[in-house]
Amino acid sequence: MSNQDELNQVFKALSHSVRRSICDELKVRPLTTGQLVQCFPELDRTTVMQHLRVLEKARLVVAVRKGRERFNYLDAMPIQAIHERWIGPHAARAASNLSNLKLALEQSQDAETAS
């Protein structure tokens, strides 16, 4: 699968509010599928499982079986890749601009104090 296909799956997975809410629940701690179902009383178990499958396909959720239980873990690496591609460069530029502004203000204050 290409990098572009992987990104498309991540964006598709995050486009639905229920899947974003599932990710919010899992960022706090891993949950069993049953615990996740309890977090969404308006949905039945089958619907939650369908959303989990989309998140797993996008590699945002990793399921691990422990005995009879299935624990779901959030894997934030696909989101980190998005951050590095689109947000990181802008954040670095903004931080650099703030640093330059701070330096200019300090030099201005030094010049005023010296005169």
PDB file of N, CA and C in Angstrom:
ATOM      1  N   MET A   1       0.844  -1.179   0.000  1.00  0.00           N
ATOM      2  CA  MET A   1       0.000   0.000   0.000  1.00  0.00           C
ATOM      3  C   MET A   1       0.889   1.242   0.000  1.00  0.00           C
ATOM      4  N   SER A   2       0.533   2.215  -0.823  1.00  0.00           N
ATOM      5  CA  SER A   2       1.340   3.422  -0.931  1.00  0.00           C
ATOM      6  C   SER A   2       1.102   4.349   0.251  1.00  0.00           C
ATOM      7  N   ASN A   3       2.024   5.262   0.429  1.00  0.00           N
ATOM      8  CA  ASN A   3       1.910   6.259   1.492  1.00  0.00           C
ATOM      9  C   ASN A   3       0.638   7.085   1.316  1.00  0.00           C
ATOM     10  N   GLN A   4       0.306   7.376   0.056  1.00  0.00           N
ATOM     11  CA  GLN A   4      -0.910   8.159  -0.241  1.00  0.00           C
ATOM     12  C   GLN A   4      -2.158   7.390   0.187  1.00  0.00           C
ATOM     13  N   ASP A   5      -2.189   6.082  -0.079  1.00  0.00           N
ATOM     14  CA  ASP A   5      -3.329   5.256   0.327  1.00  0.00           C
ATOM     15  C   ASP A   5      -3.458   5.213   1.847  1.00  0.00           C
ATOM     16  N   GLU A   6      -2.322   5.114   2.530  1.00  0.00           N
ATOM     17  CA  GLU A   6      -2.341   5.096   3.994  1.00  0.00           C
ATOM     18  C   GLU A   6      -2.909   6.401   4.543  1.00  0.00           C
ATOM     19  N   LEU A   7      -2.481   7.523   3.980  1.00  0.00           N
ATOM     20  CA  LEU A   7      -2.996   8.824   4.419  1.00  0.00           C
ATOM     21  C   LEU A   7      -4.489   8.940   4.145  1.00  0.00           C
ATOM     22  N   ASN A   8      -4.929   8.459   3.001  1.00  0.00           N
ATOM     23  CA  ASN A   8      -6.357   8.494   2.674  1.00  0.00           C
ATOM     24  C   ASN A   8      -7.165   7.711   3.703  1.00  0.00           C
ATOM     25  N   GLN A   9      -6.660   6.565   4.131  1.00  0.00           N
ATOM     26  CA  GLN A   9      -7.363   5.761   5.123  1.00  0.00           C
ATOM     27  C   GLN A   9      -7.419   6.474   6.466  1.00  0.00           C
ATOM     28  N   VAL A  10      -6.345   7.152   6.844  1.00  0.00           N
ATOM     29  CA  VAL A  10      -6.337   7.889   8.110  1.00  0.00           C
ATOM     30  C   VAL A  10      -7.362   9.014   8.067  1.00  0.00           C
ATOM     31  N   PHE A  11      -7.363   9.783   6.977  1.00  0.00           N
ATOM     32  CA  PHE A  11      -8.331  10.876   6.875  1.00  0.00           C
ATOM     33  C   PHE A  11      -9.761  10.355   6.822  1.00  0.00           C
ATOM     34  N   LYS A  12      -9.976   9.244   6.123  1.00  0.00           N
ATOM     35  CA  LYS A  12     -11.309   8.655   6.077  1.00  0.00           C
ATOM     36  C   LYS A  12     -11.735   8.228   7.481  1.00  0.00           C
ATOM     37  N   ALA A  13     -10.828   7.584   8.199  1.00  0.00           N
ATOM     38  CA  ALA A  13     -11.152   7.114   9.546  1.00  0.00           C
ATOM     39  C   ALA A  13     -11.483   8.274  10.470  1.00  0.00           C
ATOM     40  N   LEU A  14     -10.735   9.350  10.376  1.00  0.00           N
ATOM     41  CA  LEU A  14     -10.934  10.492  11.266  1.00  0.00           C
ATOM     42  C   LEU A  14     -12.064  11.415  10.815  1.00  0.00           C
ATOM     43  N   SER A  15     -12.636  11.143   9.653  1.00  0.00           N
ATOM     44  CA  SER A  15     -13.703  12.013   9.157  1.00  0.00           C
ATOM     45  C   SER A  15     -15.033  11.812   9.880  1.00  0.00           C
ATOM     46  N   HIS A  16     -15.165  10.710  10.593  1.00  0.00           N
ATOM     47  CA  HIS A  16     -16.432  10.422  11.281  1.00  0.00           C
ATOM     48  C   HIS A  16     -16.311  10.770  12.763  1.00  0.00           C
ATOM     49  N   SER A  17     -17.298  11.459  13.282  1.00  0.00           N
ATOM     50  CA  SER A  17     -17.240  11.926  14.674  1.00  0.00           C
ATOM     51  C   SER A  17     -17.181  10.777  15.685  1.00  0.00           C
ATOM     52  N   VAL A  18     -17.853   9.672  15.409  1.00  0.00           N
ATOM     53  CA  VAL A  18     -17.809   8.534  16.342  1.00  0.00           C
ATOM     54  C   VAL A  18     -16.392   7.957  16.404  1.00  0.00           C
ATOM     55  N   ARG A  19     -15.736   7.858  15.255  1.00  0.00           N
ATOM     56  CA  ARG A  19     -14.366   7.314  15.256  1.00  0.00           C
ATOM     57  C   ARG A  19     -13.403   8.263  15.964  1.00  0.00           C
ATOM     58  N   ARG A  20     -13.613   9.560  15.804  1.00  0.00           N
ATOM     59  CA  ARG A  20     -12.777  10.510  16.553  1.00  0.00           C
ATOM     60  C   ARG A  20     -13.037  10.362  18.053  1.00  0.00           C
ATOM     61  N   SER A  21     -14.288  10.146  18.426  1.00  0.00           N
ATOM     62  CA  SER A  21     -14.622   9.949  19.844  1.00  0.00           C
ATOM     63  C   SER A  21     -14.005   8.657  20.379  1.00  0.00           C
ATOM     64  N   ILE A  22     -13.990   7.616  19.572  1.00  0.00           N
ATOM     65  CA  ILE A  22     -13.332   6.365  19.978  1.00  0.00           C
ATOM     66  C   ILE A  22     -11.853   6.629  20.224  1.00  0.00           C
ATOM     67  N   CYS A  23     -11.212   7.373  19.327  1.00  0.00           N
ATOM     68  CA  CYS A  23      -9.791   7.714  19.516  1.00  0.00           C
ATOM     69  C   CYS A  23      -9.592   8.527  20.793  1.00  0.00           C
ATOM     70  N   ASP A  24     -10.514   9.433  21.077  1.00  0.00           N
ATOM     71  CA  ASP A  24     -10.430  10.222  22.313  1.00  0.00           C
ATOM     72  C   ASP A  24     -10.496   9.313  23.537  1.00  0.00           C
ATOM     73  N   GLU A  25     -11.381   8.333  23.509  1.00  0.00           N
ATOM     74  CA  GLU A  25     -11.492   7.396  24.634  1.00  0.00           C
ATOM     75  C   GLU A  25     -10.214   6.573  24.782  1.00  0.00           C
ATOM     76  N   LEU A  26      -9.652   6.146  23.657  1.00  0.00           N
ATOM     77  CA  LEU A  26      -8.473   5.278  23.706  1.00  0.00           C
ATOM     78  C   LEU A  26      -7.178   6.035  24.002  1.00  0.00           C
ATOM     79  N   LYS A  27      -7.178   7.345  23.822  1.00  0.00           N
ATOM     80  CA  LYS A  27      -5.946   8.083  24.137  1.00  0.00           C
ATOM     81  C   LYS A  27      -5.719   8.139  25.647  1.00  0.00           C
ATOM     82  N   VAL A  28      -6.785   7.978  26.417  1.00  0.00           N
ATOM     83  CA  VAL A  28      -6.673   7.995  27.878  1.00  0.00           C
ATOM     84  C   VAL A  28      -6.100   6.671  28.380  1.00  0.00           C
ATOM     85  N   ARG A  29      -6.614   5.560  27.806  1.00  0.00           N
ATOM     86  CA  ARG A  29      -6.184   4.227  28.238  1.00  0.00           C
ATOM     87  C   ARG A  29      -6.730   3.212  27.241  1.00  0.00           C
ATOM     88  N   PRO A  30      -6.088   2.038  27.155  1.00  0.00           N
ATOM     89  CA  PRO A  30      -6.643   0.975  26.313  1.00  0.00           C
ATOM     90  C   PRO A  30      -7.964   0.492  26.906  1.00  0.00           C
ATOM     91  N   LEU A  31      -8.891   0.134  26.054  1.00  0.00           N
ATOM     92  CA  LEU A  31     -10.192  -0.352  26.503  1.00  0.00           C
ATOM     93  C   LEU A  31     -10.537  -1.640  25.772  1.00  0.00           C
ATOM     94  N   THR A  32     -11.280  -2.498  26.455  1.00  0.00           N
ATOM     95  CA  THR A  32     -11.815  -3.673  25.784  1.00  0.00           C
ATOM     96  C   THR A  32     -12.932  -3.203  24.860  1.00  0.00           C
ATOM     97  N   THR A  33     -13.296  -4.054  23.939  1.00  0.00           N
ATOM     98  CA  THR A  33     -14.394  -3.707  23.040  1.00  0.00           C
ATOM     99  C   THR A  33     -15.674  -3.487  23.837  1.00  0.00           C
ATOM    100  N   GLY A  34     -15.908  -4.308  24.842  1.00  0.00           N
ATOM    101  CA  GLY A  34     -17.095  -4.142  25.690  1.00  0.00           C
ATOM    102  C   GLY A  34     -17.108  -2.800  26.398  1.00  0.00           C
ATOM    103  N   GLN A  35     -15.953  -2.368  26.895  1.00  0.00           N
ATOM    104  CA  GLN A  35     -15.872  -1.066  27.556  1.00  0.00           C
ATOM    105  C   GLN A  35     -16.146   0.065  26.562  1.00  0.00           C
ATOM    106  N   LEU A  36     -15.643  -0.087  25.338  1.00  0.00           N
ATOM    107  CA  LEU A  36     -15.907   0.926  24.312  1.00  0.00           C
ATOM    108  C   LEU A  36     -17.392   0.998  23.979  1.00  0.00           C
ATOM    109  N   VAL A  37     -18.031  -0.152  23.893  1.00  0.00           N
ATOM    110  CA  VAL A  37     -19.467  -0.175  23.613  1.00  0.00           C
ATOM    111  C   VAL A  37     -20.217   0.581  24.704  1.00  0.00           C
ATOM    112  N   GLN A  38     -19.795   0.434  25.950  1.00  0.00           N
ATOM    113  CA  GLN A  38     -20.445   1.142  27.058  1.00  0.00           C
ATOM    114  C   GLN A  38     -20.250   2.656  26.963  1.00  0.00           C
ATOM    115  N   CYS A  39     -19.177   3.093  26.336  1.00  0.00           N
ATOM    116  CA  CYS A  39     -18.931   4.530  26.164  1.00  0.00           C
ATOM    117  C   CYS A  39     -19.894   5.161  25.159  1.00  0.00           C
ATOM    118  N   PHE A  40     -20.531   4.335  24.340  1.00  0.00           N
ATOM    119  CA  PHE A  40     -21.425   4.829  23.293  1.00  0.00           C
ATOM    120  C   PHE A  40     -22.777   4.125  23.395  1.00  0.00           C
ATOM    121  N   PRO A  41     -23.563   4.492  24.412  1.00  0.00           N
ATOM    122  CA  PRO A  41     -24.846   3.806  24.619  1.00  0.00           C
ATOM    123  C   PRO A  41     -25.834   3.985  23.465  1.00  0.00           C
ATOM    124  N   GLU A  42     -25.631   4.998  22.647  1.00  0.00           N
ATOM    125  CA  GLU A  42     -26.534   5.230  21.513  1.00  0.00           C
ATOM    126  C   GLU A  42     -26.250   4.277  20.341  1.00  0.00           C
ATOM    127  N   LEU A  43     -25.126   3.541  20.420  1.00  0.00           N
ATOM    128  CA  LEU A  43     -24.741   2.623  19.349  1.00  0.00           C
ATOM    129  C   LEU A  43     -24.797   1.178  19.828  1.00  0.00           C
ATOM    130  N   ASP A  44     -25.082   0.270  18.899  1.00  0.00           N
ATOM    131  CA  ASP A  44     -25.022  -1.143  19.271  1.00  0.00           C
ATOM    132  C   ASP A  44     -23.596  -1.668  19.056  1.00  0.00           C
ATOM    133  N   ARG A  45     -23.340  -2.849  19.574  1.00  0.00           N
ATOM    134  CA  ARG A  45     -22.001  -3.430  19.529  1.00  0.00           C
ATOM    135  C   ARG A  45     -21.499  -3.579  18.085  1.00  0.00           C
ATOM    136  N   THR A  46     -22.372  -3.980  17.179  1.00  0.00           N
ATOM    137  CA  THR A  46     -21.979  -4.181  15.788  1.00  0.00           C
ATOM    138  C   THR A  46     -21.485  -2.877  15.157  1.00  0.00           C
ATOM    139  N   THR A  47     -22.162  -1.792  15.450  1.00  0.00           N
ATOM    140  CA  THR A  47     -21.763  -0.494  14.896  1.00  0.00           C
ATOM    141  C   THR A  47     -20.407  -0.063  15.444  1.00  0.00           C
ATOM    142  N   VAL A  48     -20.194  -0.238  16.733  1.00  0.00           N
ATOM    143  CA  VAL A  48     -18.889   0.101  17.329  1.00  0.00           C
ATOM    144  C   VAL A  48     -17.794  -0.751  16.687  1.00  0.00           C
ATOM    145  N   MET A  49     -18.065  -2.034  16.485  1.00  0.00           N
ATOM    146  CA  MET A  49     -17.083  -2.923  15.847  1.00  0.00           C
ATOM    147  C   MET A  49     -16.778  -2.475  14.417  1.00  0.00           C
ATOM    148  N   GLN A  50     -17.784  -2.011  13.687  1.00  0.00           N
ATOM    149  CA  GLN A  50     -17.544  -1.514  12.324  1.00  0.00           C
ATOM    150  C   GLN A  50     -16.622  -0.299  12.352  1.00  0.00           C
ATOM    151  N   HIS A  51     -16.863   0.599  13.285  1.00  0.00           N
ATOM    152  CA  HIS A  51     -15.986   1.773  13.414  1.00  0.00           C
ATOM    153  C   HIS A  51     -14.574   1.347  13.806  1.00  0.00           C
ATOM    154  N   LEU A  52     -14.461   0.386  14.700  1.00  0.00           N
ATOM    155  CA  LEU A  52     -13.136  -0.107  15.094  1.00  0.00           C
ATOM    156  C   LEU A  52     -12.388  -0.706  13.905  1.00  0.00           C
ATOM    157  N   ARG A  53     -13.089  -1.419  13.032  1.00  0.00           N
ATOM    158  CA  ARG A  53     -12.443  -2.011  11.849  1.00  0.00           C
ATOM    159  C   ARG A  53     -11.873  -0.932  10.932  1.00  0.00           C
ATOM    160  N   VAL A  54     -12.606   0.162  10.768  1.00  0.00           N
ATOM    161  CA  VAL A  54     -12.105   1.272   9.939  1.00  0.00           C
ATOM    162  C   VAL A  54     -10.849   1.865  10.585  1.00  0.00           C
ATOM    163  N   LEU A  55     -10.879   2.043  11.901  1.00  0.00           N
ATOM    164  CA  LEU A  55      -9.714   2.580  12.616  1.00  0.00           C
ATOM    165  C   LEU A  55      -8.522   1.622  12.552  1.00  0.00           C
ATOM    166  N   GLU A  56      -8.788   0.329  12.618  1.00  0.00           N
ATOM    167  CA  GLU A  56      -7.715  -0.662  12.509  1.00  0.00           C
ATOM    168  C   GLU A  56      -7.117  -0.654  11.102  1.00  0.00           C
ATOM    169  N   LYS A  57      -7.966  -0.563  10.090  1.00  0.00           N
ATOM    170  CA  LYS A  57      -7.486  -0.535   8.708  1.00  0.00           C
ATOM    171  C   LYS A  57      -6.579   0.669   8.478  1.00  0.00           C
ATOM    172  N   ALA A  58      -6.882   1.778   9.148  1.00  0.00           N
ATOM    173  CA  ALA A  58      -6.066   2.992   9.046  1.00  0.00           C
ATOM    174  C   ALA A  58      -4.863   2.939   9.985  1.00  0.00           C
ATOM    175  N   ARG A  59      -4.744   1.857  10.724  1.00  0.00           N
ATOM    176  CA  ARG A  59      -3.649   1.641  11.691  1.00  0.00           C
ATOM    177  C   ARG A  59      -3.662   2.646  12.838  1.00  0.00           C
ATOM    178  N   LEU A  60      -4.843   3.170  13.132  1.00  0.00           N
ATOM    179  CA  LEU A  60      -4.992   4.075  14.268  1.00  0.00           C
ATOM    180  C   LEU A  60      -5.305   3.315  15.547  1.00  0.00           C
ATOM    181  N   VAL A  61      -5.826   2.105  15.413  1.00  0.00           N
ATOM    182  CA  VAL A  61      -6.148   1.260  16.562  1.00  0.00           C
ATOM    183  C   VAL A  61      -5.505  -0.105  16.341  1.00  0.00           C
ATOM    184  N   VAL A  62      -4.900  -0.593  17.408  1.00  0.00           N
ATOM    185  CA  VAL A  62      -4.315  -1.932  17.408  1.00  0.00           C
ATOM    186  C   VAL A  62      -5.070  -2.741  18.442  1.00  0.00           C
ATOM    187  N   ALA A  63      -5.578  -3.886  18.025  1.00  0.00           N
ATOM    188  CA  ALA A  63      -6.322  -4.762  18.936  1.00  0.00           C
ATOM    189  C   ALA A  63      -5.418  -5.906  19.375  1.00  0.00           C
ATOM    190  N   VAL A  64      -5.429  -6.172  20.687  1.00  0.00           N
ATOM    191  CA  VAL A  64      -4.621  -7.258  21.255  1.00  0.00           C
ATOM    192  C   VAL A  64      -5.544  -8.142  22.087  1.00  0.00           C
ATOM    193  N   ARG A  65      -5.536  -9.419  21.776  1.00  0.00           N
ATOM    194  CA  ARG A  65      -6.356 -10.368  22.546  1.00  0.00           C
ATOM    195  C   ARG A  65      -5.590 -10.810  23.775  1.00  0.00           C
ATOM    196  N   LYS A  66      -6.279 -10.747  24.907  1.00  0.00           N
ATOM    197  CA  LYS A  66      -5.748 -11.252  26.181  1.00  0.00           C
ATOM    198  C   LYS A  66      -6.825 -12.151  26.754  1.00  0.00           C
ATOM    199  N   GLY A  67      -6.632 -13.455  26.568  1.00  0.00           N
ATOM    200  CA  GLY A  67      -7.671 -14.391  26.977  1.00  0.00           C
ATOM    201  C   GLY A  67      -8.900 -14.196  26.120  1.00  0.00           C
ATOM    202  N   ARG A  68     -10.024 -13.995  26.763  1.00  0.00           N
ATOM    203  CA  ARG A  68     -11.277 -13.805  26.032  1.00  0.00           C
ATOM    204  C   ARG A  68     -11.541 -12.347  25.690  1.00  0.00           C
ATOM    205  N   GLU A  69     -10.710 -11.456  26.208  1.00  0.00           N
ATOM    206  CA  GLU A  69     -10.943 -10.031  25.983  1.00  0.00           C
ATOM    207  C   GLU A  69     -10.072  -9.508  24.844  1.00  0.00           C
ATOM    208  N   ARG A  70     -10.588  -8.496  24.199  1.00  0.00           N
ATOM    209  CA  ARG A  70      -9.884  -7.826  23.108  1.00  0.00           C
ATOM    210  C   ARG A  70      -9.634  -6.393  23.547  1.00  0.00           C
ATOM    211  N   PHE A  71      -8.376  -6.058  23.799  1.00  0.00           N
ATOM    212  CA  PHE A  71      -8.021  -4.705  24.206  1.00  0.00           C
ATOM    213  C   PHE A  71      -7.657  -3.884  22.977  1.00  0.00           C
ATOM    214  N   ASN A  72      -8.167  -2.667  22.936  1.00  0.00           N
ATOM    215  CA  ASN A  72      -7.925  -1.753  21.821  1.00  0.00           C
ATOM    216  C   ASN A  72      -7.006  -0.636  22.287  1.00  0.00           C
ATOM    217  N   TYR A  73      -5.938  -0.431  21.536  1.00  0.00           N
ATOM    218  CA  TYR A  73      -4.943   0.579  21.853  1.00  0.00           C
ATOM    219  C   TYR A  73      -4.904   1.607  20.732  1.00  0.00           C
ATOM    220  N   LEU A  74      -4.770   2.872  21.096  1.00  0.00           N
ATOM    221  CA  LEU A  74      -4.602   3.921  20.095  1.00  0.00           C
ATOM    222  C   LEU A  74      -3.150   3.929  19.646  1.00  0.00           C
ATOM    223  N   ASP A  75      -2.936   3.967  18.353  1.00  0.00           N
ATOM    224  CA  ASP A  75      -1.595   4.137  17.797  1.00  0.00           C
ATOM    225  C   ASP A  75      -1.575   5.494  17.107  1.00  0.00           C
ATOM    226  N   ALA A  76      -0.899   6.440  17.694  1.00  0.00           N
ATOM    227  CA  ALA A  76      -0.919   7.816  17.191  1.00  0.00           C
ATOM    228  C   ALA A  76       0.110   8.073  16.083  1.00  0.00           C
ATOM    229  N   MET A  77       0.857   7.060  15.688  1.00  0.00           N
ATOM    230  CA  MET A  77       1.885   7.274  14.668  1.00  0.00           C
ATOM    231  C   MET A  77       1.331   7.797  13.337  1.00  0.00           C
ATOM    232  N   PRO A  78       0.194   7.301  12.851  1.00  0.00           N
ATOM    233  CA  PRO A  78      -0.335   7.888  11.605  1.00  0.00           C
ATOM    234  C   PRO A  78      -0.679   9.374  11.760  1.00  0.00           C
ATOM    235  N   ILE A  79      -1.143   9.769  12.925  1.00  0.00           N
ATOM    236  CA  ILE A  79      -1.449  11.179  13.168  1.00  0.00           C
ATOM    237  C   ILE A  79      -0.148  11.978  13.252  1.00  0.00           C
ATOM    238  N   GLN A  80       0.877  11.382  13.846  1.00  0.00           N
ATOM    239  CA  GLN A  80       2.192  12.029  13.921  1.00  0.00           C
ATOM    240  C   GLN A  80       2.748  12.274  12.519  1.00  0.00           C
ATOM    241  N   ALA A  81       2.549  11.318  11.614  1.00  0.00           N
ATOM    242  CA  ALA A  81       3.018  11.491  10.238  1.00  0.00           C
ATOM    243  C   ALA A  81       2.321  12.677   9.572  1.00  0.00           C
ATOM    244  N   ILE A  82       1.040  12.833   9.839  1.00  0.00           N
ATOM    245  CA  ILE A  82       0.295  13.987   9.301  1.00  0.00           C
ATOM    246  C   ILE A  82       0.852  15.279   9.893  1.00  0.00           C
ATOM    247  N   HIS A  83       1.111  15.261  11.189  1.00  0.00           N
ATOM    248  CA  HIS A  83       1.679  16.439  11.850  1.00  0.00           C
ATOM    249  C   HIS A  83       3.026  16.810  11.233  1.00  0.00           C
ATOM    250  N   GLU A  84       3.876  15.825  11.044  1.00  0.00           N
ATOM    251  CA  GLU A  84       5.200  16.104  10.485  1.00  0.00           C
ATOM    252  C   GLU A  84       5.119  16.645   9.065  1.00  0.00           C
ATOM    253  N   ARG A  85       4.142  16.179   8.316  1.00  0.00           N
ATOM    254  CA  ARG A  85       4.034  16.596   6.909  1.00  0.00           C
ATOM    255  C   ARG A  85       3.449  17.999   6.768  1.00  0.00           C
ATOM    256  N   TRP A  86       2.398  18.313   7.532  1.00  0.00           N
ATOM    257  CA  TRP A  86       1.694  19.569   7.293  1.00  0.00           C
ATOM    258  C   TRP A  86       1.804  20.580   8.424  1.00  0.00           C
ATOM    259  N   ILE A  87       1.880  20.151   9.636  1.00  0.00           N
ATOM    260  CA  ILE A  87       1.865  21.097  10.761  1.00  0.00           C
ATOM    261  C   ILE A  87       3.270  21.444  11.217  1.00  0.00           C
ATOM    262  N   GLY A  88       4.129  20.450  11.299  1.00  0.00           N
ATOM    263  CA  GLY A  88       5.486  20.647  11.805  1.00  0.00           C
ATOM    264  C   GLY A  88       6.250  21.779  11.139  1.00  0.00           C
ATOM    265  N   PRO A  89       6.287  21.817   9.797  1.00  0.00           N
ATOM    266  CA  PRO A  89       7.032  22.904   9.141  1.00  0.00           C
ATOM    267  C   PRO A  89       6.495  24.290   9.497  1.00  0.00           C
ATOM    268  N   HIS A  90       5.167  24.422   9.604  1.00  0.00           N
ATOM    269  CA  HIS A  90       4.580  25.715   9.970  1.00  0.00           C
ATOM    270  C   HIS A  90       4.888  26.062  11.425  1.00  0.00           C
ATOM    271  N   ALA A  91       4.843  25.075  12.290  1.00  0.00           N
ATOM    272  CA  ALA A  91       5.147  25.311  13.703  1.00  0.00           C
ATOM    273  C   ALA A  91       6.604  25.717  13.870  1.00  0.00           C
ATOM    274  N   ALA A  92       7.498  25.080  13.134  1.00  0.00           N
ATOM    275  CA  ALA A  92       8.920  25.431  13.222  1.00  0.00           C
ATOM    276  C   ALA A  92       9.148  26.854  12.733  1.00  0.00           C
ATOM    277  N   ARG A  93       8.466  27.212  11.659  1.00  0.00           N
ATOM    278  CA  ARG A  93       8.603  28.574  11.126  1.00  0.00           C
ATOM    279  C   ARG A  93       8.052  29.594  12.125  1.00  0.00           C
ATOM    280  N   ALA A  94       6.928  29.293  12.749  1.00  0.00           N
ATOM    281  CA  ALA A  94       6.338  30.203  13.739  1.00  0.00           C
ATOM    282  C   ALA A  94       7.266  30.353  14.947  1.00  0.00           C
ATOM    283  N   ALA A  95       7.849  29.251  15.404  1.00  0.00           N
ATOM    284  CA  ALA A  95       8.772  29.313  16.538  1.00  0.00           C
ATOM    285  C   ALA A  95      10.007  30.133  16.181  1.00  0.00           C
ATOM    286  N   SER A  96      10.489  29.982  14.967  1.00  0.00           N
ATOM    287  CA  SER A  96      11.645  30.756  14.512  1.00  0.00           C
ATOM    288  C   SER A  96      11.302  32.243  14.462  1.00  0.00           C
ATOM    289  N   ASN A  97      10.111  32.571  13.966  1.00  0.00           N
ATOM    290  CA  ASN A  97       9.684  33.975  13.918  1.00  0.00           C
ATOM    291  C   ASN A  97       9.578  34.575  15.317  1.00  0.00           C
ATOM    292  N   LEU A  98       9.045  33.797  16.259  1.00  0.00           N
ATOM    293  CA  LEU A  98       8.948  34.272  17.643  1.00  0.00           C
ATOM    294  C   LEU A  98      10.337  34.487  18.247  1.00  0.00           C
ATOM    295  N   SER A  99      11.246  33.596  17.946  1.00  0.00           N
ATOM    296  CA  SER A  99      12.617  33.735  18.446  1.00  0.00           C
ATOM    297  C   SER A  99      13.273  34.993  17.869  1.00  0.00           C
ATOM    298  N   ASN A 100      13.070  35.220  16.583  1.00  0.00           N
ATOM    299  CA  ASN A 100      13.624  36.425  15.948  1.00  0.00           C
ATOM    300  C   ASN A 100      13.018  37.693  16.535  1.00  0.00           C
ATOM    301  N   LEU A 101      11.710  37.680  16.814  1.00  0.00           N
ATOM    302  CA  LEU A 101      11.032  38.823  17.424  1.00  0.00           C
ATOM    303  C   LEU A 101      11.595  39.098  18.817  1.00  0.00           C
ATOM    304  N   LYS A 102      11.761  38.030  19.597  1.00  0.00           N
ATOM    305  CA  LYS A 102      12.316  38.177  20.953  1.00  0.00           C
ATOM    306  C   LYS A 102      13.709  38.795  20.887  1.00  0.00           C
ATOM    307  N   LEU A 103      14.535  38.300  19.984  1.00  0.00           N
ATOM    308  CA  LEU A 103      15.897  38.827  19.835  1.00  0.00           C
ATOM    309  C   LEU A 103      15.863  40.303  19.433  1.00  0.00           C
ATOM    310  N   ALA A 104      14.989  40.664  18.508  1.00  0.00           N
ATOM    311  CA  ALA A 104      14.879  42.056  18.065  1.00  0.00           C
ATOM    312  C   ALA A 104      14.424  42.956  19.210  1.00  0.00           C
ATOM    313  N   LEU A 105      13.461  42.503  19.998  1.00  0.00           N
ATOM    314  CA  LEU A 105      12.988  43.293  21.139  1.00  0.00           C
ATOM    315  C   LEU A 105      14.080  43.466  22.181  1.00  0.00           C
ATOM    316  N   GLU A 106      14.819  42.400  22.444  1.00  0.00           N
ATOM    317  CA  GLU A 106      15.914  42.493  23.416  1.00  0.00           C
ATOM    318  C   GLU A 106      16.984  43.465  22.940  1.00  0.00           C
ATOM    319  N   GLN A 107      17.307  43.413  21.647  1.00  0.00           N
ATOM    320  CA  GLN A 107      18.313  44.337  21.093  1.00  0.00           C
ATOM    321  C   GLN A 107      17.812  45.773  21.150  1.00  0.00           C
ATOM    322  N   SER A 108      16.523  45.977  20.923  1.00  0.00           N
ATOM    323  CA  SER A 108      15.927  47.311  20.984  1.00  0.00           C
ATOM    324  C   SER A 108      15.990  47.846  22.413  1.00  0.00           C
ATOM    325  N   GLN A 109      15.674  46.979  23.390  1.00  0.00           N
ATOM    326  CA  GLN A 109      15.735  47.394  24.798  1.00  0.00           C
ATOM    327  C   GLN A 109      17.169  47.706  25.211  1.00  0.00           C
ATOM    328  N   ASP A 110      18.132  46.894  24.744  1.00  0.00           N
ATOM    329  CA  ASP A 110      19.543  47.128  25.047  1.00  0.00           C
ATOM    330  C   ASP A 110      20.009  48.474  24.476  1.00  0.00           C
ATOM    331  N   ALA A 111      19.539  48.794  23.281  1.00  0.00           N
ATOM    332  CA  ALA A 111      19.920  50.051  22.624  1.00  0.00           C
ATOM    333  C   ALA A 111      19.324  51.236  23.375  1.00  0.00           C
ATOM    334  N   GLU A 112      18.076  51.095  23.848  1.00  0.00           N
ATOM    335  CA  GLU A 112      17.437  52.173  24.608  1.00  0.00           C
ATOM    336  C   GLU A 112      18.131  52.371  25.958  1.00  0.00           C
ATOM    337  N   THR A 113      18.532  51.285  26.591  1.00  0.00           N
ATOM    338  CA  THR A 113      19.183  51.365  27.904  1.00  0.00           C
ATOM    339  C   THR A 113      20.569  51.984  27.764  1.00  0.00           C
ATOM    340  N   ALA A 114      21.249  51.711  26.672  1.00  0.00           N
ATOM    341  CA  ALA A 114      22.594  52.232  26.465  1.00  0.00           C
ATOM    342  C   ALA A 114      22.580  53.734  26.171  1.00  0.00           C
ATOM    343  N   SER A 115      21.485  54.268  25.656  1.00  0.00           N
ATOM    344  CA  SER A 115      21.474  55.693  25.302  1.00  0.00           C
ATOM    345  C   SER A 115      20.992  56.551  26.402  1.00  0.00           C
TER     346      SER A 115
END
